[in-house]
Amino acid sequence: MEEVVVKVQRLRPDAQVPMYMTDLAAGMDLYAALEKSVSIKPGERALLPTGIALSIPPGFEGQVRPRSGLALKSGIGLVNSPGTVDADYRGEIGIILINHGQRDYVVHQGDRLAQLVIAPVCRARLEIVEDMEETTRNCGGFGHTGISARATETSS
Protein backbone atom coordinates (compact mmCIF):
# COMPACT_ATOMS: atom_id res chain seq x y z
CA MET A 1 0.00 0.00 0.00
CA GLU A 2 1.19 3.48 -0.85
CA GLU A 3 1.62 5.76 2.13
CA VAL A 4 0.99 9.51 1.91
CA VAL A 5 1.96 11.95 4.65
CA VAL A 6 -0.92 14.22 5.67
CA LYS A 7 -0.20 16.85 8.32
CA VAL A 8 -2.86 17.31 11.01
CA GLN A 9 -3.33 20.36 13.21
CA ARG A 10 -5.51 20.23 16.33
CA LEU A 11 -7.55 23.44 16.45
CA ARG A 12 -9.07 22.51 19.82
CA PRO A 13 -7.28 20.75 22.66
CA ASP A 14 -9.87 17.95 22.84
CA ALA A 15 -9.95 17.29 19.07
CA GLN A 16 -9.23 13.70 18.12
CA VAL A 17 -6.83 12.89 15.31
CA PRO A 18 -8.45 10.76 12.55
CA MET A 19 -7.51 7.10 12.74
CA TYR A 20 -7.92 3.84 10.84
CA MET A 21 -9.92 1.36 12.91
CA THR A 22 -8.56 -1.77 11.19
CA ASP A 23 -5.33 -2.65 9.36
CA LEU A 24 -6.94 -2.67 5.90
CA ALA A 25 -9.52 0.10 6.34
CA ALA A 26 -9.67 2.55 3.42
CA GLY A 27 -11.04 5.38 5.55
CA MET A 28 -10.05 7.02 8.81
CA ASP A 29 -12.77 7.96 11.27
CA LEU A 30 -13.49 11.66 11.80
CA TYR A 31 -14.70 12.72 15.26
CA ALA A 32 -17.00 15.43 16.60
CA ALA A 33 -15.29 18.24 18.50
CA LEU A 34 -18.15 19.79 20.45
CA GLU A 35 -18.42 22.06 23.49
CA LYS A 36 -21.90 20.62 24.11
CA SER A 37 -24.00 17.86 22.54
CA VAL A 38 -26.01 18.66 19.40
CA SER A 39 -29.48 17.23 18.66
CA ILE A 40 -30.50 16.82 15.01
CA LYS A 41 -34.24 16.40 14.42
CA PRO A 42 -35.60 14.17 11.63
CA GLY A 43 -35.20 15.96 8.29
CA GLU A 44 -32.71 18.48 9.71
CA ARG A 45 -29.04 18.88 8.93
CA ALA A 46 -26.18 20.29 10.96
CA LEU A 47 -22.59 21.36 10.33
CA LEU A 48 -20.45 19.71 12.98
CA PRO A 49 -16.83 20.65 13.70
CA THR A 50 -14.00 18.12 13.92
CA GLY A 51 -11.51 20.47 15.56
CA ILE A 52 -8.80 19.60 13.04
CA ALA A 53 -7.23 21.05 9.90
CA LEU A 54 -5.31 19.03 7.32
CA SER A 55 -2.42 19.68 4.96
CA ILE A 56 -3.01 17.20 2.14
CA PRO A 57 -0.16 17.04 -0.38
CA PRO A 58 -0.66 18.23 -3.99
CA GLY A 59 -2.02 15.48 -6.22
CA PHE A 60 -4.32 14.15 -3.48
CA GLU A 61 -7.69 15.00 -1.92
CA GLY A 62 -9.58 14.00 1.17
CA GLN A 63 -12.96 12.38 0.53
CA VAL A 64 -15.38 12.68 3.45
CA ARG A 65 -17.81 9.79 3.34
CA PRO A 66 -20.70 8.57 5.51
CA ARG A 67 -20.35 5.77 8.04
CA SER A 68 -22.49 2.80 7.06
CA GLY A 69 -23.37 1.91 10.67
CA LEU A 70 -24.84 5.38 11.33
CA ALA A 71 -26.84 5.16 8.10
CA LEU A 72 -28.26 1.72 8.84
CA LYS A 73 -28.93 2.09 12.56
CA SER A 74 -30.00 5.74 12.78
CA GLY A 75 -30.63 7.04 9.25
CA ILE A 76 -27.71 9.48 9.52
CA GLY A 77 -26.00 10.49 6.29
CA LEU A 78 -23.92 13.25 4.78
CA VAL A 79 -25.59 15.94 2.70
CA ASN A 80 -22.68 16.28 0.28
CA SER A 81 -21.26 12.83 -0.09
CA PRO A 82 -18.50 12.48 -0.71
CA GLY A 83 -17.36 15.86 0.50
CA THR A 84 -14.02 17.00 -0.90
CA VAL A 85 -11.10 18.40 1.09
CA ASP A 86 -8.80 20.01 -1.47
CA ALA A 87 -5.02 19.99 -1.08
CA ASP A 88 -4.97 23.78 -0.68
CA TYR A 89 -7.68 23.97 2.04
CA ARG A 90 -6.34 24.69 5.53
CA GLY A 91 -9.52 25.44 7.47
CA GLU A 92 -11.33 23.28 9.98
CA ILE A 93 -12.87 20.11 8.58
CA GLY A 94 -16.64 20.24 9.07
CA ILE A 95 -19.12 17.40 8.62
CA ILE A 96 -22.64 18.14 7.33
CA LEU A 97 -24.86 15.44 8.83
CA ILE A 98 -28.50 14.92 7.86
CA ASN A 99 -31.02 12.95 9.89
CA HIS A 100 -33.06 10.72 7.58
CA GLY A 101 -34.27 8.76 10.60
CA GLN A 102 -37.51 9.06 12.55
CA ARG A 103 -36.04 10.14 15.91
CA ASP A 104 -33.83 12.96 17.09
CA TYR A 105 -30.16 12.02 16.80
CA VAL A 106 -27.81 13.37 19.46
CA VAL A 107 -24.12 13.89 18.68
CA HIS A 108 -21.70 14.00 21.61
CA GLN A 109 -18.10 15.13 21.92
CA GLY A 110 -15.82 12.48 20.39
CA ASP A 111 -18.52 10.64 18.41
CA ARG A 112 -17.35 9.17 15.11
CA LEU A 113 -19.21 11.13 12.42
CA ALA A 114 -17.75 10.18 9.05
CA GLN A 115 -14.72 8.68 7.41
CA LEU A 116 -11.89 10.28 5.50
CA VAL A 117 -10.31 8.61 2.47
CA ILE A 118 -7.14 10.11 1.01
CA ALA A 119 -7.21 9.60 -2.76
CA PRO A 120 -5.14 10.64 -5.79
CA VAL A 121 -6.49 13.40 -8.02
CA CYS A 122 -6.21 13.61 -11.79
CA ARG A 123 -6.69 17.08 -13.30
CA ALA A 124 -8.37 17.29 -16.69
CA ARG A 125 -7.46 19.49 -19.64
CA LEU A 126 -10.73 20.34 -21.40
CA GLU A 127 -10.78 20.48 -25.18
CA ILE A 128 -13.64 22.23 -27.02
CA VAL A 129 -14.94 20.17 -29.98
CA GLU A 130 -17.75 20.58 -32.52
CA ASP A 131 -18.91 16.93 -32.43
CA MET A 132 -18.66 14.00 -30.02
CA GLU A 133 -17.81 10.44 -31.02
CA GLU A 134 -20.78 8.07 -30.81
CA THR A 135 -21.03 5.24 -28.30
CA THR A 136 -23.46 2.37 -27.77
CA ARG A 137 -25.07 4.30 -24.92
CA ASN A 138 -24.93 7.70 -26.63
CA CYS A 139 -27.48 9.98 -24.85
CA GLY A 140 -29.18 7.28 -22.74
CA GLY A 141 -29.28 8.35 -19.10
CA PHE A 142 -31.24 8.21 -15.86
CA GLY A 143 -32.56 4.66 -15.78
CA HIS A 144 -32.15 3.82 -19.44
CA THR A 145 -30.83 0.31 -18.61
CA GLY A 146 -33.80 -0.67 -16.39
CA ILE A 147 -33.80 -1.85 -12.79
CA SER A 148 -33.14 -5.58 -12.92
CA ALA A 149 -30.67 -7.82 -14.72
CA ARG A 150 -33.56 -9.87 -16.12
CA ALA A 151 -35.22 -6.82 -17.67
CA THR A 152 -31.91 -5.84 -19.28
CA GLU A 153 -31.39 -9.34 -20.70
CA THR A 154 -34.88 -9.49 -22.23
CA SER A 155 -34.63 -6.01 -23.76
CA SER A 156 -31.40 -6.83 -25.66
C-alpha atoms as a PDB file:
ATOM      1  CA  MET A   1       0.000   0.000   0.000  1.00  0.00           C
ATOM      2  CA  GLU A   2       1.190   3.476  -0.852  1.00  0.00           C
ATOM      3  CA  GLU A   3       1.620   5.759   2.134  1.00  0.00           C
ATOM      4  CA  VAL A   4       0.995   9.507   1.911  1.00  0.00           C
ATOM      5  CA  VAL A   5       1.964  11.951   4.646  1.00  0.00           C
ATOM      6  CA  VAL A   6      -0.916  14.223   5.672  1.00  0.00           C
ATOM      7  CA  LYS A   7      -0.195  16.847   8.323  1.00  0.00           C
ATOM      8  CA  VAL A   8      -2.863  17.309  11.010  1.00  0.00           C
ATOM      9  CA  GLN A   9      -3.335  20.364  13.214  1.00  0.00           C
ATOM     10  CA  ARG A  10      -5.508  20.226  16.329  1.00  0.00           C
ATOM     11  CA  LEU A  11      -7.547  23.437  16.449  1.00  0.00           C
ATOM     12  CA  ARG A  12      -9.072  22.513  19.819  1.00  0.00           C
ATOM     13  CA  PRO A  13      -7.282  20.751  22.659  1.00  0.00           C
ATOM     14  CA  ASP A  14      -9.874  17.954  22.844  1.00  0.00           C
ATOM     15  CA  ALA A  15      -9.950  17.287  19.072  1.00  0.00           C
ATOM     16  CA  GLN A  16      -9.229  13.696  18.120  1.00  0.00           C
ATOM     17  CA  VAL A  17      -6.834  12.890  15.310  1.00  0.00           C
ATOM     18  CA  PRO A  18      -8.448  10.762  12.555  1.00  0.00           C
ATOM     19  CA  MET A  19      -7.506   7.097  12.735  1.00  0.00           C
ATOM     20  CA  TYR A  20      -7.919   3.845  10.836  1.00  0.00           C
ATOM     21  CA  MET A  21      -9.915   1.364  12.913  1.00  0.00           C
ATOM     22  CA  THR A  22      -8.555  -1.772  11.191  1.00  0.00           C
ATOM     23  CA  ASP A  23      -5.330  -2.651   9.365  1.00  0.00           C
ATOM     24  CA  LEU A  24      -6.938  -2.673   5.897  1.00  0.00           C
ATOM     25  CA  ALA A  25      -9.520   0.102   6.345  1.00  0.00           C
ATOM     26  CA  ALA A  26      -9.673   2.545   3.421  1.00  0.00           C
ATOM     27  CA  GLY A  27     -11.041   5.377   5.551  1.00  0.00           C
ATOM     28  CA  MET A  28     -10.046   7.023   8.813  1.00  0.00           C
ATOM     29  CA  ASP A  29     -12.771   7.963  11.268  1.00  0.00           C
ATOM     30  CA  LEU A  30     -13.485  11.664  11.801  1.00  0.00           C
ATOM     31  CA  TYR A  31     -14.700  12.723  15.257  1.00  0.00           C
ATOM     32  CA  ALA A  32     -17.003  15.425  16.604  1.00  0.00           C
ATOM     33  CA  ALA A  33     -15.289  18.237  18.498  1.00  0.00           C
ATOM     34  CA  LEU A  34     -18.152  19.789  20.455  1.00  0.00           C
ATOM     35  CA  GLU A  35     -18.422  22.061  23.486  1.00  0.00           C
ATOM     36  CA  LYS A  36     -21.899  20.625  24.112  1.00  0.00           C
ATOM     37  CA  SER A  37     -23.997  17.864  22.537  1.00  0.00           C
ATOM     38  CA  VAL A  38     -26.015  18.656  19.402  1.00  0.00           C
ATOM     39  CA  SER A  39     -29.476  17.231  18.662  1.00  0.00           C
ATOM     40  CA  ILE A  40     -30.495  16.819  15.014  1.00  0.00           C
ATOM     41  CA  LYS A  41     -34.238  16.404  14.424  1.00  0.00           C
ATOM     42  CA  PRO A  42     -35.603  14.171  11.627  1.00  0.00           C
ATOM     43  CA  GLY A  43     -35.196  15.956   8.290  1.00  0.00           C
ATOM     44  CA  GLU A  44     -32.714  18.479   9.707  1.00  0.00           C
ATOM     45  CA  ARG A  45     -29.040  18.880   8.931  1.00  0.00           C
ATOM     46  CA  ALA A  46     -26.176  20.289  10.964  1.00  0.00           C
ATOM     47  CA  LEU A  47     -22.592  21.357  10.327  1.00  0.00           C
ATOM     48  CA  LEU A  48     -20.453  19.714  12.980  1.00  0.00           C
ATOM     49  CA  PRO A  49     -16.830  20.649  13.700  1.00  0.00           C
ATOM     50  CA  THR A  50     -14.003  18.118  13.917  1.00  0.00           C
ATOM     51  CA  GLY A  51     -11.511  20.469  15.560  1.00  0.00           C
ATOM     52  CA  ILE A  52      -8.802  19.601  13.036  1.00  0.00           C
ATOM     53  CA  ALA A  53      -7.233  21.048   9.896  1.00  0.00           C
ATOM     54  CA  LEU A  54      -5.305  19.033   7.322  1.00  0.00           C
ATOM     55  CA  SER A  55      -2.425  19.675   4.962  1.00  0.00           C
ATOM     56  CA  ILE A  56      -3.013  17.202   2.141  1.00  0.00           C
ATOM     57  CA  PRO A  57      -0.165  17.041  -0.384  1.00  0.00           C
ATOM     58  CA  PRO A  58      -0.658  18.227  -3.992  1.00  0.00           C
ATOM     59  CA  GLY A  59      -2.025  15.477  -6.221  1.00  0.00           C
ATOM     60  CA  PHE A  60      -4.320  14.151  -3.479  1.00  0.00           C
ATOM     61  CA  GLU A  61      -7.687  15.000  -1.922  1.00  0.00           C
ATOM     62  CA  GLY A  62      -9.576  13.998   1.175  1.00  0.00           C
ATOM     63  CA  GLN A  63     -12.961  12.376   0.525  1.00  0.00           C
ATOM     64  CA  VAL A  64     -15.384  12.683   3.449  1.00  0.00           C
ATOM     65  CA  ARG A  65     -17.813   9.785   3.342  1.00  0.00           C
ATOM     66  CA  PRO A  66     -20.702   8.568   5.509  1.00  0.00           C
ATOM     67  CA  ARG A  67     -20.350   5.770   8.045  1.00  0.00           C
ATOM     68  CA  SER A  68     -22.488   2.796   7.063  1.00  0.00           C
ATOM     69  CA  GLY A  69     -23.368   1.915  10.669  1.00  0.00           C
ATOM     70  CA  LEU A  70     -24.840   5.378  11.326  1.00  0.00           C
ATOM     71  CA  ALA A  71     -26.840   5.164   8.100  1.00  0.00           C
ATOM     72  CA  LEU A  72     -28.263   1.725   8.840  1.00  0.00           C
ATOM     73  CA  LYS A  73     -28.928   2.091  12.560  1.00  0.00           C
ATOM     74  CA  SER A  74     -30.005   5.741  12.778  1.00  0.00           C
ATOM     75  CA  GLY A  75     -30.633   7.040   9.255  1.00  0.00           C
ATOM     76  CA  ILE A  76     -27.707   9.481   9.519  1.00  0.00           C
ATOM     77  CA  GLY A  77     -26.003  10.489   6.289  1.00  0.00           C
ATOM     78  CA  LEU A  78     -23.916  13.246   4.778  1.00  0.00           C
ATOM     79  CA  VAL A  79     -25.591  15.940   2.704  1.00  0.00           C
ATOM     80  CA  ASN A  80     -22.679  16.279   0.279  1.00  0.00           C
ATOM     81  CA  SER A  81     -21.261  12.830  -0.087  1.00  0.00           C
ATOM     82  CA  PRO A  82     -18.495  12.481  -0.712  1.00  0.00           C
ATOM     83  CA  GLY A  83     -17.356  15.861   0.503  1.00  0.00           C
ATOM     84  CA  THR A  84     -14.022  17.001  -0.899  1.00  0.00           C
ATOM     85  CA  VAL A  85     -11.103  18.396   1.090  1.00  0.00           C
ATOM     86  CA  ASP A  86      -8.798  20.013  -1.465  1.00  0.00           C
ATOM     87  CA  ALA A  87      -5.021  19.989  -1.082  1.00  0.00           C
ATOM     88  CA  ASP A  88      -4.972  23.780  -0.677  1.00  0.00           C
ATOM     89  CA  TYR A  89      -7.681  23.968   2.041  1.00  0.00           C
ATOM     90  CA  ARG A  90      -6.337  24.692   5.531  1.00  0.00           C
ATOM     91  CA  GLY A  91      -9.519  25.443   7.474  1.00  0.00           C
ATOM     92  CA  GLU A  92     -11.325  23.276   9.983  1.00  0.00           C
ATOM     93  CA  ILE A  93     -12.870  20.110   8.585  1.00  0.00           C
ATOM     94  CA  GLY A  94     -16.639  20.238   9.067  1.00  0.00           C
ATOM     95  CA  ILE A  95     -19.117  17.403   8.619  1.00  0.00           C
ATOM     96  CA  ILE A  96     -22.638  18.145   7.326  1.00  0.00           C
ATOM     97  CA  LEU A  97     -24.862  15.445   8.827  1.00  0.00           C
ATOM     98  CA  ILE A  98     -28.499  14.924   7.865  1.00  0.00           C
ATOM     99  CA  ASN A  99     -31.015  12.949   9.888  1.00  0.00           C
ATOM    100  CA  HIS A 100     -33.063  10.717   7.576  1.00  0.00           C
ATOM    101  CA  GLY A 101     -34.267   8.760  10.599  1.00  0.00           C
ATOM    102  CA  GLN A 102     -37.507   9.062  12.547  1.00  0.00           C
ATOM    103  CA  ARG A 103     -36.043  10.140  15.905  1.00  0.00           C
ATOM    104  CA  ASP A 104     -33.825  12.962  17.092  1.00  0.00           C
ATOM    105  CA  TYR A 105     -30.162  12.024  16.797  1.00  0.00           C
ATOM    106  CA  VAL A 106     -27.812  13.368  19.463  1.00  0.00           C
ATOM    107  CA  VAL A 107     -24.125  13.892  18.677  1.00  0.00           C
ATOM    108  CA  HIS A 108     -21.705  13.997  21.608  1.00  0.00           C
ATOM    109  CA  GLN A 109     -18.102  15.130  21.919  1.00  0.00           C
ATOM    110  CA  GLY A 110     -15.820  12.478  20.391  1.00  0.00           C
ATOM    111  CA  ASP A 111     -18.522  10.636  18.415  1.00  0.00           C
ATOM    112  CA  ARG A 112     -17.351   9.174  15.111  1.00  0.00           C
ATOM    113  CA  LEU A 113     -19.214  11.129  12.424  1.00  0.00           C
ATOM    114  CA  ALA A 114     -17.754  10.182   9.049  1.00  0.00           C
ATOM    115  CA  GLN A 115     -14.724   8.680   7.415  1.00  0.00           C
ATOM    116  CA  LEU A 116     -11.891  10.284   5.495  1.00  0.00           C
ATOM    117  CA  VAL A 117     -10.309   8.612   2.474  1.00  0.00           C
ATOM    118  CA  ILE A 118      -7.135  10.114   1.010  1.00  0.00           C
ATOM    119  CA  ALA A 119      -7.209   9.597  -2.760  1.00  0.00           C
ATOM    120  CA  PRO A 120      -5.139  10.638  -5.785  1.00  0.00           C
ATOM    121  CA  VAL A 121      -6.487  13.396  -8.022  1.00  0.00           C
ATOM    122  CA  CYS A 122      -6.209  13.615 -11.789  1.00  0.00           C
ATOM    123  CA  ARG A 123      -6.688  17.080 -13.302  1.00  0.00           C
ATOM    124  CA  ALA A 124      -8.368  17.289 -16.693  1.00  0.00           C
ATOM    125  CA  ARG A 125      -7.460  19.490 -19.637  1.00  0.00           C
ATOM    126  CA  LEU A 126     -10.726  20.338 -21.403  1.00  0.00           C
ATOM    127  CA  GLU A 127     -10.784  20.483 -25.177  1.00  0.00           C
ATOM    128  CA  ILE A 128     -13.641  22.233 -27.025  1.00  0.00           C
ATOM    129  CA  VAL A 129     -14.937  20.173 -29.984  1.00  0.00           C
ATOM    130  CA  GLU A 130     -17.748  20.582 -32.520  1.00  0.00           C
ATOM    131  CA  ASP A 131     -18.905  16.932 -32.433  1.00  0.00           C
ATOM    132  CA  MET A 132     -18.656  14.005 -30.020  1.00  0.00           C
ATOM    133  CA  GLU A 133     -17.811  10.441 -31.016  1.00  0.00           C
ATOM    134  CA  GLU A 134     -20.782   8.073 -30.812  1.00  0.00           C
ATOM    135  CA  THR A 135     -21.029   5.236 -28.303  1.00  0.00           C
ATOM    136  CA  THR A 136     -23.463   2.368 -27.772  1.00  0.00           C
ATOM    137  CA  ARG A 137     -25.071   4.295 -24.921  1.00  0.00           C
ATOM    138  CA  ASN A 138     -24.935   7.703 -26.628  1.00  0.00           C
ATOM    139  CA  CYS A 139     -27.483   9.975 -24.846  1.00  0.00           C
ATOM    140  CA  GLY A 140     -29.182   7.276 -22.740  1.00  0.00           C
ATOM    141  CA  GLY A 141     -29.275   8.354 -19.097  1.00  0.00           C
ATOM    142  CA  PHE A 142     -31.237   8.211 -15.857  1.00  0.00           C
ATOM    143  CA  GLY A 143     -32.556   4.663 -15.778  1.00  0.00           C
ATOM    144  CA  HIS A 144     -32.155   3.816 -19.443  1.00  0.00           C
ATOM    145  CA  THR A 145     -30.825   0.314 -18.605  1.00  0.00           C
ATOM    146  CA  GLY A 146     -33.798  -0.666 -16.395  1.00  0.00           C
ATOM    147  CA  ILE A 147     -33.799  -1.847 -12.791  1.00  0.00           C
ATOM    148  CA  SER A 148     -33.142  -5.583 -12.921  1.00  0.00           C
ATOM    149  CA  ALA A 149     -30.675  -7.816 -14.718  1.00  0.00           C
ATOM    150  CA  ARG A 150     -33.560  -9.875 -16.118  1.00  0.00           C
ATOM    151  CA  ALA A 151     -35.224  -6.821 -17.675  1.00  0.00           C
ATOM    152  CA  THR A 152     -31.909  -5.838 -19.277  1.00  0.00           C
ATOM    153  CA  GLU A 153     -31.395  -9.340 -20.696  1.00  0.00           C
ATOM    154  CA  THR A 154     -34.875  -9.492 -22.233  1.00  0.00           C
ATOM    155  CA  SER A 155     -34.630  -6.012 -23.765  1.00  0.00           C
ATOM    156  CA  SER A 156     -31.398  -6.832 -25.656  1.00  0.00           C
END
